[in-house]
Amino acid sequence: MTNQASGMETDHSLIRRAIDGDERALRQLWSQYSPHIDAVVRRLVGNGGGADSDLAADIAQEVWIQIFRALRTYRGDAQFGTWAHRIAVNRTLNALRKARRLGHMEVGIEEDSSAVEMDSDRAFLAASIDDAAARLPAGARTVFLLHDVEGYTHDDIARELGITAGASKSQLFKARAKLRRLLAHLVDVQTPATERTHVAP
């Protein structure tokens, strides 16, 4: 049996116990998956601190309530983490709609005609991508995260956010362009001091 299959079997056992009211099993599921689920919620809400942090914490709590309520509907077709991840994304989007965080999709994004390049040093960019994404307007950040992080298609995003696929594509282009500018100080090669022309005082 592969490790993945073994892990799913462990999850199924925990889920059966949790459905039967075993609080220890519920706590174990939460302990195992909450770091990932909480990270998903924080990315979508934003990392602005203060109100954003409070909102993310409230939504994460609601997500887990929904996950536990929906346990009986989990059929094991996908790994539990994948199933819970989808619930987290959908519940967070619903909560952001209620908070009217997605109301103005175009606000705060400047037009940029420059091409958006894929940076070869993805690991280097990954260290700062969350911070940079948090500085995008809520709507643009959500489109970027859903498409580039969560793997949603533009048609999926259009349905989730109530916009057109064309608007989703436009938001993604603008979000990537702004991210490129925000991360430019990390990826642009600076001229080493030793290579600069020395001028006598």
N, C-alpha and C. Protein backbone atom coordinates (compact mmCIF):
# COMPACT_ATOMS: atom_id res chain seq x y z
N MET A 1 0.85 -1.20 0.00
CA MET A 1 0.00 0.00 0.00
C MET A 1 0.88 1.25 0.00
N THR A 2 0.57 2.21 -0.87
CA THR A 2 1.37 3.41 -0.94
C THR A 2 1.10 4.29 0.27
N ASN A 3 2.04 5.24 0.50
CA ASN A 3 1.86 6.18 1.61
C ASN A 3 0.58 6.98 1.43
N GLN A 4 0.27 7.37 0.16
CA GLN A 4 -0.94 8.15 -0.08
C GLN A 4 -2.18 7.35 0.28
N ALA A 5 -2.20 6.09 -0.17
CA ALA A 5 -3.34 5.24 0.14
C ALA A 5 -3.47 5.03 1.63
N SER A 6 -2.33 4.85 2.29
CA SER A 6 -2.33 4.67 3.74
C SER A 6 -2.86 5.90 4.45
N GLY A 7 -2.45 7.08 3.93
CA GLY A 7 -2.91 8.33 4.53
C GLY A 7 -4.40 8.51 4.38
N MET A 8 -4.94 8.13 3.19
CA MET A 8 -6.38 8.24 2.97
C MET A 8 -7.13 7.29 3.88
N GLU A 9 -6.57 6.10 4.10
CA GLU A 9 -7.21 5.14 4.99
C GLU A 9 -7.26 5.68 6.41
N THR A 10 -6.16 6.33 6.83
CA THR A 10 -6.13 6.93 8.16
C THR A 10 -7.19 8.02 8.26
N ASP A 11 -7.30 8.86 7.22
CA ASP A 11 -8.31 9.91 7.21
C ASP A 11 -9.71 9.31 7.30
N HIS A 12 -9.96 8.27 6.52
CA HIS A 12 -11.29 7.66 6.53
C HIS A 12 -11.63 7.15 7.93
N SER A 13 -10.65 6.57 8.60
CA SER A 13 -10.87 6.08 9.95
C SER A 13 -11.21 7.22 10.90
N LEU A 14 -10.42 8.31 10.79
CA LEU A 14 -10.68 9.48 11.62
C LEU A 14 -12.06 10.06 11.34
N ILE A 15 -12.41 10.14 10.06
CA ILE A 15 -13.70 10.73 9.67
C ILE A 15 -14.86 9.89 10.20
N ARG A 16 -14.73 8.58 10.09
CA ARG A 16 -15.79 7.71 10.63
C ARG A 16 -15.96 7.95 12.12
N ARG A 17 -14.86 8.05 12.83
CA ARG A 17 -14.93 8.30 14.28
C ARG A 17 -15.51 9.67 14.57
N ALA A 18 -15.11 10.69 13.75
CA ALA A 18 -15.60 12.05 13.96
C ALA A 18 -17.10 12.12 13.72
N ILE A 19 -17.59 11.44 12.67
CA ILE A 19 -19.02 11.42 12.38
C ILE A 19 -19.80 10.81 13.54
N ASP A 20 -19.17 9.84 14.19
CA ASP A 20 -19.81 9.17 15.34
C ASP A 20 -19.72 10.00 16.62
N GLY A 21 -19.13 11.19 16.52
CA GLY A 21 -19.09 12.08 17.67
C GLY A 21 -17.82 12.00 18.51
N ASP A 22 -16.78 11.38 17.98
CA ASP A 22 -15.51 11.26 18.70
C ASP A 22 -14.77 12.61 18.64
N GLU A 23 -14.77 13.33 19.77
CA GLU A 23 -14.16 14.66 19.79
C GLU A 23 -12.65 14.58 19.56
N ARG A 24 -12.03 13.52 20.00
CA ARG A 24 -10.58 13.37 19.78
C ARG A 24 -10.28 13.27 18.29
N ALA A 25 -11.12 12.58 17.55
CA ALA A 25 -10.93 12.46 16.10
C ALA A 25 -11.12 13.82 15.43
N LEU A 26 -12.12 14.58 15.88
CA LEU A 26 -12.33 15.93 15.34
C LEU A 26 -11.11 16.81 15.58
N ARG A 27 -10.57 16.75 16.80
CA ARG A 27 -9.39 17.55 17.12
C ARG A 27 -8.19 17.13 16.29
N GLN A 28 -8.07 15.82 16.04
CA GLN A 28 -6.94 15.32 15.26
C GLN A 28 -7.03 15.78 13.80
N LEU A 29 -8.23 15.75 13.22
CA LEU A 29 -8.40 16.25 11.87
C LEU A 29 -8.05 17.74 11.80
N TRP A 30 -8.54 18.49 12.77
CA TRP A 30 -8.26 19.92 12.81
C TRP A 30 -6.77 20.18 12.95
N SER A 31 -6.12 19.46 13.86
CA SER A 31 -4.70 19.66 14.09
C SER A 31 -3.87 19.34 12.85
N GLN A 32 -4.27 18.32 12.12
CA GLN A 32 -3.52 17.88 10.95
C GLN A 32 -3.67 18.83 9.77
N TYR A 33 -4.88 19.37 9.58
CA TYR A 33 -5.16 20.14 8.37
C TYR A 33 -5.31 21.64 8.57
N SER A 34 -5.41 22.10 9.80
CA SER A 34 -5.65 23.53 10.02
C SER A 34 -4.53 24.43 9.51
N PRO A 35 -3.23 24.05 9.60
CA PRO A 35 -2.21 24.97 9.06
C PRO A 35 -2.42 25.27 7.59
N HIS A 36 -2.74 24.25 6.80
CA HIS A 36 -2.96 24.47 5.36
C HIS A 36 -4.24 25.25 5.11
N ILE A 37 -5.32 24.86 5.77
CA ILE A 37 -6.61 25.54 5.56
C ILE A 37 -6.52 27.00 5.99
N ASP A 38 -5.90 27.25 7.14
CA ASP A 38 -5.77 28.64 7.62
C ASP A 38 -4.93 29.47 6.66
N ALA A 39 -3.91 28.86 6.06
CA ALA A 39 -3.06 29.58 5.10
C ALA A 39 -3.85 29.95 3.85
N VAL A 40 -4.71 29.05 3.39
CA VAL A 40 -5.56 29.34 2.24
C VAL A 40 -6.45 30.54 2.52
N VAL A 41 -7.07 30.54 3.69
CA VAL A 41 -7.96 31.64 4.07
C VAL A 41 -7.19 32.95 4.15
N ARG A 42 -6.02 32.92 4.80
CA ARG A 42 -5.23 34.16 4.95
C ARG A 42 -4.81 34.72 3.59
N ARG A 43 -4.43 33.84 2.66
CA ARG A 43 -4.02 34.32 1.34
C ARG A 43 -5.16 35.04 0.64
N LEU A 44 -6.36 34.48 0.71
CA LEU A 44 -7.49 35.08 0.02
C LEU A 44 -7.98 36.36 0.69
N VAL A 45 -7.91 36.39 2.01
CA VAL A 45 -8.36 37.58 2.74
C VAL A 45 -7.33 38.69 2.63
N GLY A 46 -6.05 38.33 2.66
CA GLY A 46 -4.98 39.32 2.63
C GLY A 46 -4.23 39.30 3.95
N ASN A 47 -2.99 39.79 3.90
CA ASN A 47 -2.14 39.78 5.09
C ASN A 47 -1.88 41.18 5.61
N GLY A 48 -2.92 42.00 5.56
CA GLY A 48 -2.75 43.39 5.96
C GLY A 48 -2.68 43.62 7.46
N GLY A 49 -2.91 42.58 8.23
CA GLY A 49 -2.89 42.74 9.68
C GLY A 49 -4.18 43.38 10.16
N GLY A 50 -4.33 43.54 11.48
CA GLY A 50 -5.48 44.22 12.04
C GLY A 50 -6.79 43.58 11.63
N ALA A 51 -7.63 44.37 10.93
CA ALA A 51 -8.95 43.89 10.53
C ALA A 51 -8.85 42.66 9.62
N ASP A 52 -7.84 42.63 8.73
CA ASP A 52 -7.67 41.47 7.86
C ASP A 52 -7.41 40.21 8.67
N SER A 53 -6.55 40.33 9.67
CA SER A 53 -6.23 39.17 10.51
C SER A 53 -7.46 38.69 11.28
N ASP A 54 -8.23 39.64 11.78
CA ASP A 54 -9.45 39.27 12.51
C ASP A 54 -10.45 38.60 11.58
N LEU A 55 -10.61 39.16 10.38
CA LEU A 55 -11.54 38.58 9.41
C LEU A 55 -11.10 37.18 9.01
N ALA A 56 -9.80 37.00 8.77
CA ALA A 56 -9.28 35.69 8.40
C ALA A 56 -9.53 34.67 9.50
N ALA A 57 -9.33 35.07 10.74
CA ALA A 57 -9.55 34.16 11.87
C ALA A 57 -11.03 33.78 11.96
N ASP A 58 -11.92 34.76 11.77
CA ASP A 58 -13.36 34.49 11.82
C ASP A 58 -13.77 33.54 10.70
N ILE A 59 -13.25 33.80 9.49
CA ILE A 59 -13.62 32.95 8.35
C ILE A 59 -13.07 31.54 8.53
N ALA A 60 -11.83 31.43 9.02
CA ALA A 60 -11.25 30.10 9.24
C ALA A 60 -12.09 29.29 10.22
N GLN A 61 -12.59 29.96 11.25
CA GLN A 61 -13.45 29.28 12.21
C GLN A 61 -14.74 28.80 11.53
N GLU A 62 -15.32 29.66 10.67
CA GLU A 62 -16.53 29.28 9.95
C GLU A 62 -16.25 28.12 8.99
N VAL A 63 -15.06 28.16 8.37
CA VAL A 63 -14.69 27.08 7.45
C VAL A 63 -14.69 25.74 8.17
N TRP A 64 -14.07 25.71 9.34
CA TRP A 64 -13.99 24.45 10.07
C TRP A 64 -15.36 23.97 10.55
N ILE A 65 -16.22 24.92 10.93
CA ILE A 65 -17.58 24.54 11.29
C ILE A 65 -18.27 23.88 10.11
N GLN A 66 -18.08 24.48 8.91
CA GLN A 66 -18.70 23.91 7.72
C GLN A 66 -18.10 22.55 7.37
N ILE A 67 -16.77 22.43 7.50
CA ILE A 67 -16.12 21.14 7.22
C ILE A 67 -16.69 20.05 8.11
N PHE A 68 -16.80 20.34 9.40
CA PHE A 68 -17.29 19.32 10.33
C PHE A 68 -18.76 18.98 10.07
N ARG A 69 -19.54 20.01 9.72
CA ARG A 69 -20.96 19.76 9.42
C ARG A 69 -21.12 18.91 8.16
N ALA A 70 -20.17 19.07 7.22
CA ALA A 70 -20.27 18.38 5.93
C ALA A 70 -19.58 17.02 5.92
N LEU A 71 -19.02 16.60 7.03
CA LEU A 71 -18.26 15.35 7.05
C LEU A 71 -19.06 14.17 6.50
N ARG A 72 -20.34 14.13 6.80
CA ARG A 72 -21.16 13.00 6.35
C ARG A 72 -21.28 12.95 4.82
N THR A 73 -21.02 14.09 4.16
CA THR A 73 -21.13 14.12 2.70
C THR A 73 -19.82 13.75 2.02
N TYR A 74 -18.73 13.62 2.80
CA TYR A 74 -17.44 13.26 2.22
C TYR A 74 -17.45 11.81 1.80
N ARG A 75 -17.26 11.57 0.49
CA ARG A 75 -17.38 10.22 -0.05
C ARG A 75 -16.04 9.56 -0.34
N GLY A 76 -14.95 10.27 -0.10
CA GLY A 76 -13.64 9.66 -0.28
C GLY A 76 -13.16 9.62 -1.71
N ASP A 77 -13.83 10.33 -2.62
CA ASP A 77 -13.39 10.34 -4.02
C ASP A 77 -12.06 11.08 -4.18
N ALA A 78 -11.79 12.03 -3.31
CA ALA A 78 -10.52 12.76 -3.30
C ALA A 78 -9.97 12.70 -1.89
N GLN A 79 -8.70 13.07 -1.75
CA GLN A 79 -8.12 13.11 -0.42
C GLN A 79 -8.87 14.12 0.43
N PHE A 80 -8.94 13.86 1.73
CA PHE A 80 -9.67 14.75 2.62
C PHE A 80 -9.14 16.18 2.54
N GLY A 81 -7.80 16.32 2.45
CA GLY A 81 -7.20 17.65 2.39
C GLY A 81 -7.67 18.42 1.16
N THR A 82 -7.81 17.73 0.03
CA THR A 82 -8.29 18.36 -1.20
C THR A 82 -9.74 18.78 -1.06
N TRP A 83 -10.54 17.92 -0.48
CA TRP A 83 -11.96 18.21 -0.25
C TRP A 83 -12.13 19.40 0.69
N ALA A 84 -11.37 19.40 1.78
CA ALA A 84 -11.45 20.49 2.76
C ALA A 84 -10.94 21.80 2.15
N HIS A 85 -9.91 21.70 1.32
CA HIS A 85 -9.34 22.87 0.65
C HIS A 85 -10.41 23.56 -0.19
N ARG A 86 -11.17 22.80 -0.93
CA ARG A 86 -12.22 23.36 -1.78
C ARG A 86 -13.28 24.07 -0.94
N ILE A 87 -13.65 23.46 0.16
CA ILE A 87 -14.62 24.10 1.06
C ILE A 87 -14.05 25.43 1.57
N ALA A 88 -12.77 25.43 1.92
CA ALA A 88 -12.14 26.65 2.44
C ALA A 88 -12.17 27.78 1.41
N VAL A 89 -11.85 27.44 0.17
CA VAL A 89 -11.85 28.47 -0.89
C VAL A 89 -13.27 29.01 -1.09
N ASN A 90 -14.24 28.11 -1.24
CA ASN A 90 -15.61 28.55 -1.51
C ASN A 90 -16.19 29.35 -0.34
N ARG A 91 -15.94 28.88 0.88
CA ARG A 91 -16.50 29.58 2.05
C ARG A 91 -15.85 30.95 2.21
N THR A 92 -14.55 31.05 1.93
CA THR A 92 -13.87 32.33 2.05
C THR A 92 -14.39 33.32 1.01
N LEU A 93 -14.58 32.85 -0.22
CA LEU A 93 -15.13 33.73 -1.26
C LEU A 93 -16.52 34.23 -0.88
N ASN A 94 -17.34 33.34 -0.33
CA ASN A 94 -18.68 33.75 0.10
C ASN A 94 -18.60 34.80 1.20
N ALA A 95 -17.70 34.59 2.14
CA ALA A 95 -17.56 35.55 3.24
C ALA A 95 -17.05 36.90 2.74
N LEU A 96 -16.12 36.87 1.78
CA LEU A 96 -15.60 38.13 1.23
C LEU A 96 -16.69 38.87 0.46
N ARG A 97 -17.56 38.13 -0.22
CA ARG A 97 -18.68 38.79 -0.91
C ARG A 97 -19.56 39.51 0.11
N LYS A 98 -19.85 38.82 1.21
CA LYS A 98 -20.70 39.43 2.23
C LYS A 98 -20.03 40.67 2.83
N ALA A 99 -18.72 40.61 2.93
CA ALA A 99 -17.99 41.76 3.47
C ALA A 99 -17.77 42.84 2.42
N ARG A 100 -18.28 42.58 1.23
CA ARG A 100 -18.17 43.53 0.11
C ARG A 100 -16.73 43.86 -0.22
N ARG A 101 -15.88 42.85 -0.06
CA ARG A 101 -14.47 43.05 -0.38
C ARG A 101 -14.20 42.91 -1.87
N LEU A 102 -15.16 42.36 -2.62
CA LEU A 102 -14.95 42.11 -4.04
C LEU A 102 -15.79 43.04 -4.91
N GLY A 103 -16.29 44.09 -4.32
CA GLY A 103 -17.23 44.94 -5.03
C GLY A 103 -16.67 45.69 -6.21
N HIS A 104 -15.46 46.20 -6.11
CA HIS A 104 -14.90 47.02 -7.18
C HIS A 104 -13.63 46.35 -7.70
N MET A 105 -13.80 45.56 -8.73
CA MET A 105 -12.70 44.73 -9.21
C MET A 105 -11.57 45.54 -9.84
N GLU A 106 -11.86 46.75 -10.31
CA GLU A 106 -10.85 47.49 -11.06
C GLU A 106 -10.12 48.52 -10.21
N VAL A 107 -10.53 48.75 -8.98
CA VAL A 107 -9.97 49.84 -8.19
C VAL A 107 -8.52 49.58 -7.83
N GLY A 108 -7.68 50.59 -8.02
CA GLY A 108 -6.32 50.54 -7.53
C GLY A 108 -5.31 49.85 -8.41
N ILE A 109 -5.71 49.37 -9.58
CA ILE A 109 -4.77 48.71 -10.48
C ILE A 109 -4.46 49.65 -11.62
N GLU A 110 -3.20 49.99 -11.82
CA GLU A 110 -2.81 50.87 -12.90
C GLU A 110 -2.63 50.06 -14.17
N GLU A 111 -2.90 50.70 -15.32
CA GLU A 111 -2.64 50.05 -16.61
C GLU A 111 -1.14 49.91 -16.79
N ASP A 112 -0.72 48.82 -17.37
CA ASP A 112 0.70 48.60 -17.61
C ASP A 112 0.84 47.84 -18.91
N SER A 113 1.53 48.44 -19.88
CA SER A 113 1.66 47.81 -21.19
C SER A 113 2.84 46.86 -21.27
N SER A 114 3.65 46.82 -20.21
CA SER A 114 4.82 45.96 -20.25
C SER A 114 4.41 44.50 -20.15
N ALA A 115 5.16 43.66 -20.82
CA ALA A 115 4.87 42.23 -20.78
C ALA A 115 5.21 41.68 -19.40
N VAL A 116 4.41 40.73 -18.95
CA VAL A 116 4.66 40.10 -17.65
C VAL A 116 5.51 38.87 -17.88
N GLU A 117 6.67 38.85 -17.29
CA GLU A 117 7.61 37.76 -17.51
C GLU A 117 7.51 36.72 -16.40
N MET A 118 7.75 35.49 -16.77
CA MET A 118 7.87 34.45 -15.77
C MET A 118 9.29 34.46 -15.24
N ASP A 119 9.45 34.61 -13.95
CA ASP A 119 10.79 34.68 -13.39
C ASP A 119 11.34 33.27 -13.21
N SER A 120 12.59 33.07 -13.60
CA SER A 120 13.16 31.73 -13.53
C SER A 120 13.45 31.30 -12.10
N ASP A 121 13.66 32.26 -11.23
CA ASP A 121 13.99 31.90 -9.85
C ASP A 121 12.71 31.89 -9.01
N ARG A 122 11.88 30.86 -9.22
CA ARG A 122 10.59 30.82 -8.55
C ARG A 122 10.72 30.69 -7.03
N ALA A 123 11.71 29.95 -6.61
CA ALA A 123 11.89 29.78 -5.17
C ALA A 123 12.18 31.12 -4.50
N PHE A 124 12.98 31.95 -5.17
CA PHE A 124 13.32 33.25 -4.62
C PHE A 124 12.09 34.14 -4.53
N LEU A 125 11.27 34.12 -5.58
CA LEU A 125 10.06 34.93 -5.58
C LEU A 125 9.05 34.42 -4.55
N ALA A 126 9.01 33.10 -4.37
CA ALA A 126 8.03 32.52 -3.45
C ALA A 126 8.19 33.04 -2.04
N ALA A 127 9.39 33.42 -1.66
CA ALA A 127 9.64 33.90 -0.31
C ALA A 127 8.91 35.19 -0.02
N SER A 128 8.60 35.98 -1.07
CA SER A 128 7.95 37.27 -0.88
C SER A 128 6.61 37.39 -1.58
N ILE A 129 6.16 36.35 -2.25
CA ILE A 129 4.96 36.46 -3.07
C ILE A 129 3.72 36.74 -2.23
N ASP A 130 3.60 36.11 -1.05
CA ASP A 130 2.43 36.33 -0.23
C ASP A 130 2.32 37.79 0.21
N ASP A 131 3.46 38.36 0.60
CA ASP A 131 3.47 39.75 1.05
C ASP A 131 3.09 40.68 -0.10
N ALA A 132 3.64 40.41 -1.29
CA ALA A 132 3.34 41.24 -2.45
C ALA A 132 1.88 41.10 -2.85
N ALA A 133 1.36 39.88 -2.84
CA ALA A 133 -0.03 39.65 -3.22
C ALA A 133 -0.98 40.35 -2.27
N ALA A 134 -0.59 40.41 -1.00
CA ALA A 134 -1.44 41.07 -0.01
C ALA A 134 -1.59 42.55 -0.28
N ARG A 135 -0.68 43.13 -1.06
CA ARG A 135 -0.73 44.56 -1.36
C ARG A 135 -1.58 44.88 -2.59
N LEU A 136 -2.08 43.83 -3.25
CA LEU A 136 -2.99 44.04 -4.38
C LEU A 136 -4.38 44.38 -3.86
N PRO A 137 -5.17 45.12 -4.63
CA PRO A 137 -6.58 45.31 -4.27
C PRO A 137 -7.26 43.95 -4.15
N ALA A 138 -8.30 43.89 -3.32
CA ALA A 138 -8.92 42.60 -2.99
C ALA A 138 -9.36 41.82 -4.22
N GLY A 139 -10.00 42.48 -5.16
CA GLY A 139 -10.50 41.76 -6.33
C GLY A 139 -9.40 41.18 -7.18
N ALA A 140 -8.37 41.98 -7.46
CA ALA A 140 -7.26 41.52 -8.28
C ALA A 140 -6.50 40.40 -7.57
N ARG A 141 -6.31 40.54 -6.27
CA ARG A 141 -5.62 39.50 -5.51
C ARG A 141 -6.38 38.18 -5.58
N THR A 142 -7.71 38.28 -5.47
CA THR A 142 -8.51 37.06 -5.49
C THR A 142 -8.40 36.35 -6.84
N VAL A 143 -8.48 37.11 -7.94
CA VAL A 143 -8.35 36.49 -9.26
C VAL A 143 -6.97 35.86 -9.41
N PHE A 144 -5.93 36.57 -9.00
CA PHE A 144 -4.57 36.03 -9.10
C PHE A 144 -4.42 34.74 -8.30
N LEU A 145 -4.90 34.73 -7.06
CA LEU A 145 -4.75 33.55 -6.22
C LEU A 145 -5.57 32.38 -6.75
N LEU A 146 -6.80 32.66 -7.20
CA LEU A 146 -7.63 31.58 -7.71
C LEU A 146 -7.01 30.98 -8.97
N HIS A 147 -6.48 31.81 -9.87
CA HIS A 147 -5.95 31.29 -11.12
C HIS A 147 -4.54 30.70 -10.96
N ASP A 148 -3.62 31.50 -10.42
CA ASP A 148 -2.21 31.08 -10.40
C ASP A 148 -1.85 30.19 -9.23
N VAL A 149 -2.61 30.27 -8.13
CA VAL A 149 -2.30 29.46 -6.95
C VAL A 149 -3.23 28.26 -6.84
N GLU A 150 -4.55 28.52 -6.99
CA GLU A 150 -5.52 27.45 -6.81
C GLU A 150 -5.79 26.65 -8.08
N GLY A 151 -5.42 27.20 -9.25
CA GLY A 151 -5.59 26.46 -10.48
C GLY A 151 -6.96 26.56 -11.12
N TYR A 152 -7.77 27.55 -10.72
CA TYR A 152 -9.07 27.75 -11.33
C TYR A 152 -8.90 28.25 -12.78
N THR A 153 -9.83 27.90 -13.66
CA THR A 153 -9.85 28.47 -15.00
C THR A 153 -10.55 29.82 -14.94
N HIS A 154 -10.42 30.61 -16.01
CA HIS A 154 -11.10 31.91 -16.04
C HIS A 154 -12.62 31.73 -16.03
N ASP A 155 -13.11 30.67 -16.63
CA ASP A 155 -14.55 30.40 -16.60
C ASP A 155 -15.00 30.08 -15.17
N ASP A 156 -14.18 29.30 -14.45
CA ASP A 156 -14.48 28.99 -13.04
C ASP A 156 -14.54 30.27 -12.22
N ILE A 157 -13.53 31.13 -12.42
CA ILE A 157 -13.45 32.37 -11.66
C ILE A 157 -14.64 33.27 -11.97
N ALA A 158 -15.01 33.32 -13.24
CA ALA A 158 -16.16 34.14 -13.64
C ALA A 158 -17.41 33.70 -12.90
N ARG A 159 -17.62 32.38 -12.81
CA ARG A 159 -18.79 31.87 -12.09
C ARG A 159 -18.71 32.18 -10.61
N GLU A 160 -17.53 32.00 -10.01
CA GLU A 160 -17.38 32.22 -8.57
C GLU A 160 -17.58 33.68 -8.18
N LEU A 161 -17.07 34.60 -9.00
CA LEU A 161 -17.06 36.01 -8.63
C LEU A 161 -18.16 36.83 -9.30
N GLY A 162 -18.90 36.22 -10.22
CA GLY A 162 -19.97 36.94 -10.88
C GLY A 162 -19.46 37.97 -11.86
N ILE A 163 -18.34 37.68 -12.53
CA ILE A 163 -17.79 38.56 -13.54
C ILE A 163 -17.65 37.78 -14.84
N THR A 164 -17.18 38.43 -15.90
CA THR A 164 -16.97 37.72 -17.15
C THR A 164 -15.58 37.09 -17.17
N ALA A 165 -15.40 36.09 -18.03
CA ALA A 165 -14.08 35.48 -18.18
C ALA A 165 -13.08 36.52 -18.68
N GLY A 166 -13.54 37.43 -19.54
CA GLY A 166 -12.66 38.49 -20.03
C GLY A 166 -12.19 39.40 -18.92
N ALA A 167 -13.10 39.72 -18.00
CA ALA A 167 -12.71 40.56 -16.86
C ALA A 167 -11.71 39.83 -15.97
N SER A 168 -11.89 38.52 -15.83
CA SER A 168 -10.94 37.73 -15.05
C SER A 168 -9.55 37.77 -15.68
N LYS A 169 -9.49 37.60 -17.00
CA LYS A 169 -8.20 37.64 -17.70
C LYS A 169 -7.54 39.01 -17.55
N SER A 170 -8.35 40.07 -17.66
CA SER A 170 -7.82 41.42 -17.52
C SER A 170 -7.26 41.65 -16.12
N GLN A 171 -8.01 41.20 -15.11
CA GLN A 171 -7.56 41.36 -13.73
C GLN A 171 -6.26 40.58 -13.49
N LEU A 172 -6.18 39.38 -14.06
CA LEU A 172 -4.98 38.57 -13.87
C LEU A 172 -3.76 39.25 -14.49
N PHE A 173 -3.91 39.79 -15.70
CA PHE A 173 -2.80 40.48 -16.34
C PHE A 173 -2.34 41.66 -15.49
N LYS A 174 -3.30 42.45 -15.02
CA LYS A 174 -2.96 43.64 -14.23
C LYS A 174 -2.34 43.26 -12.90
N ALA A 175 -2.87 42.19 -12.28
CA ALA A 175 -2.31 41.74 -11.00
C ALA A 175 -0.87 41.28 -11.18
N ARG A 176 -0.62 40.51 -12.24
CA ARG A 176 0.75 40.04 -12.49
C ARG A 176 1.69 41.21 -12.77
N ALA A 177 1.19 42.21 -13.52
CA ALA A 177 2.02 43.37 -13.82
C ALA A 177 2.39 44.13 -12.55
N LYS A 178 1.39 44.29 -11.67
CA LYS A 178 1.68 45.01 -10.43
C LYS A 178 2.60 44.20 -9.53
N LEU A 179 2.39 42.88 -9.48
CA LEU A 179 3.28 42.03 -8.70
C LEU A 179 4.71 42.13 -9.21
N ARG A 180 4.84 42.19 -10.53
CA ARG A 180 6.18 42.33 -11.11
C ARG A 180 6.85 43.60 -10.61
N ARG A 181 6.08 44.69 -10.57
CA ARG A 181 6.65 45.94 -10.07
C ARG A 181 6.97 45.85 -8.58
N LEU A 182 6.07 45.23 -7.83
CA LEU A 182 6.29 45.12 -6.38
C LEU A 182 7.51 44.27 -6.06
N LEU A 183 7.80 43.30 -6.93
CA LEU A 183 8.91 42.39 -6.68
C LEU A 183 10.17 42.77 -7.44
N ALA A 184 10.11 43.90 -8.15
CA ALA A 184 11.25 44.29 -9.00
C ALA A 184 12.53 44.45 -8.19
N HIS A 185 12.40 44.96 -6.96
CA HIS A 185 13.61 45.17 -6.15
C HIS A 185 14.27 43.86 -5.76
N LEU A 186 13.53 42.75 -5.88
CA LEU A 186 14.10 41.45 -5.54
C LEU A 186 14.75 40.77 -6.74
N VAL A 187 14.23 41.06 -7.93
CA VAL A 187 14.70 40.31 -9.09
C VAL A 187 15.56 41.11 -10.05
N ASP A 188 15.48 42.43 -9.99
CA ASP A 188 16.32 43.24 -10.86
C ASP A 188 17.77 43.17 -10.40
N VAL A 189 18.66 42.97 -11.31
CA VAL A 189 20.08 42.86 -10.96
C VAL A 189 20.65 44.25 -10.73
N GLN A 190 21.20 44.43 -9.58
CA GLN A 190 21.83 45.70 -9.25
C GLN A 190 23.30 45.66 -9.65
N THR A 191 23.83 46.80 -10.05
CA THR A 191 25.24 46.86 -10.41
C THR A 191 26.08 46.79 -9.16
N PRO A 192 26.96 45.79 -9.05
CA PRO A 192 27.79 45.66 -7.85
C PRO A 192 28.65 46.91 -7.66
N ALA A 193 28.87 47.26 -6.41
CA ALA A 193 29.65 48.46 -6.11
C ALA A 193 31.05 48.37 -6.67
N THR A 194 31.61 47.16 -6.72
CA THR A 194 32.99 47.00 -7.19
C THR A 194 33.12 47.25 -8.68
N GLU A 195 31.94 47.20 -9.42
CA GLU A 195 32.00 47.41 -10.85
C GLU A 195 31.70 48.84 -11.25
N ARG A 196 31.35 49.67 -10.26
CA ARG A 196 31.07 51.05 -10.57
C ARG A 196 32.35 51.82 -10.81
N THR A 197 32.26 52.86 -11.60
CA THR A 197 33.43 53.70 -11.88
C THR A 197 33.79 54.48 -10.62
N HIS A 198 35.03 54.36 -10.22
CA HIS A 198 35.46 55.08 -9.03
C HIS A 198 35.84 56.51 -9.41
N VAL A 199 35.33 57.45 -8.67
CA VAL A 199 35.64 58.85 -8.92
C VAL A 199 36.42 59.39 -7.73
N ALA A 200 37.53 60.00 -8.03
CA ALA A 200 38.36 60.52 -6.96
C ALA A 200 37.63 61.65 -6.24
N PRO A 201 37.72 61.70 -4.93
CA PRO A 201 37.04 62.78 -4.19
C PRO A 201 37.64 64.11 -4.51
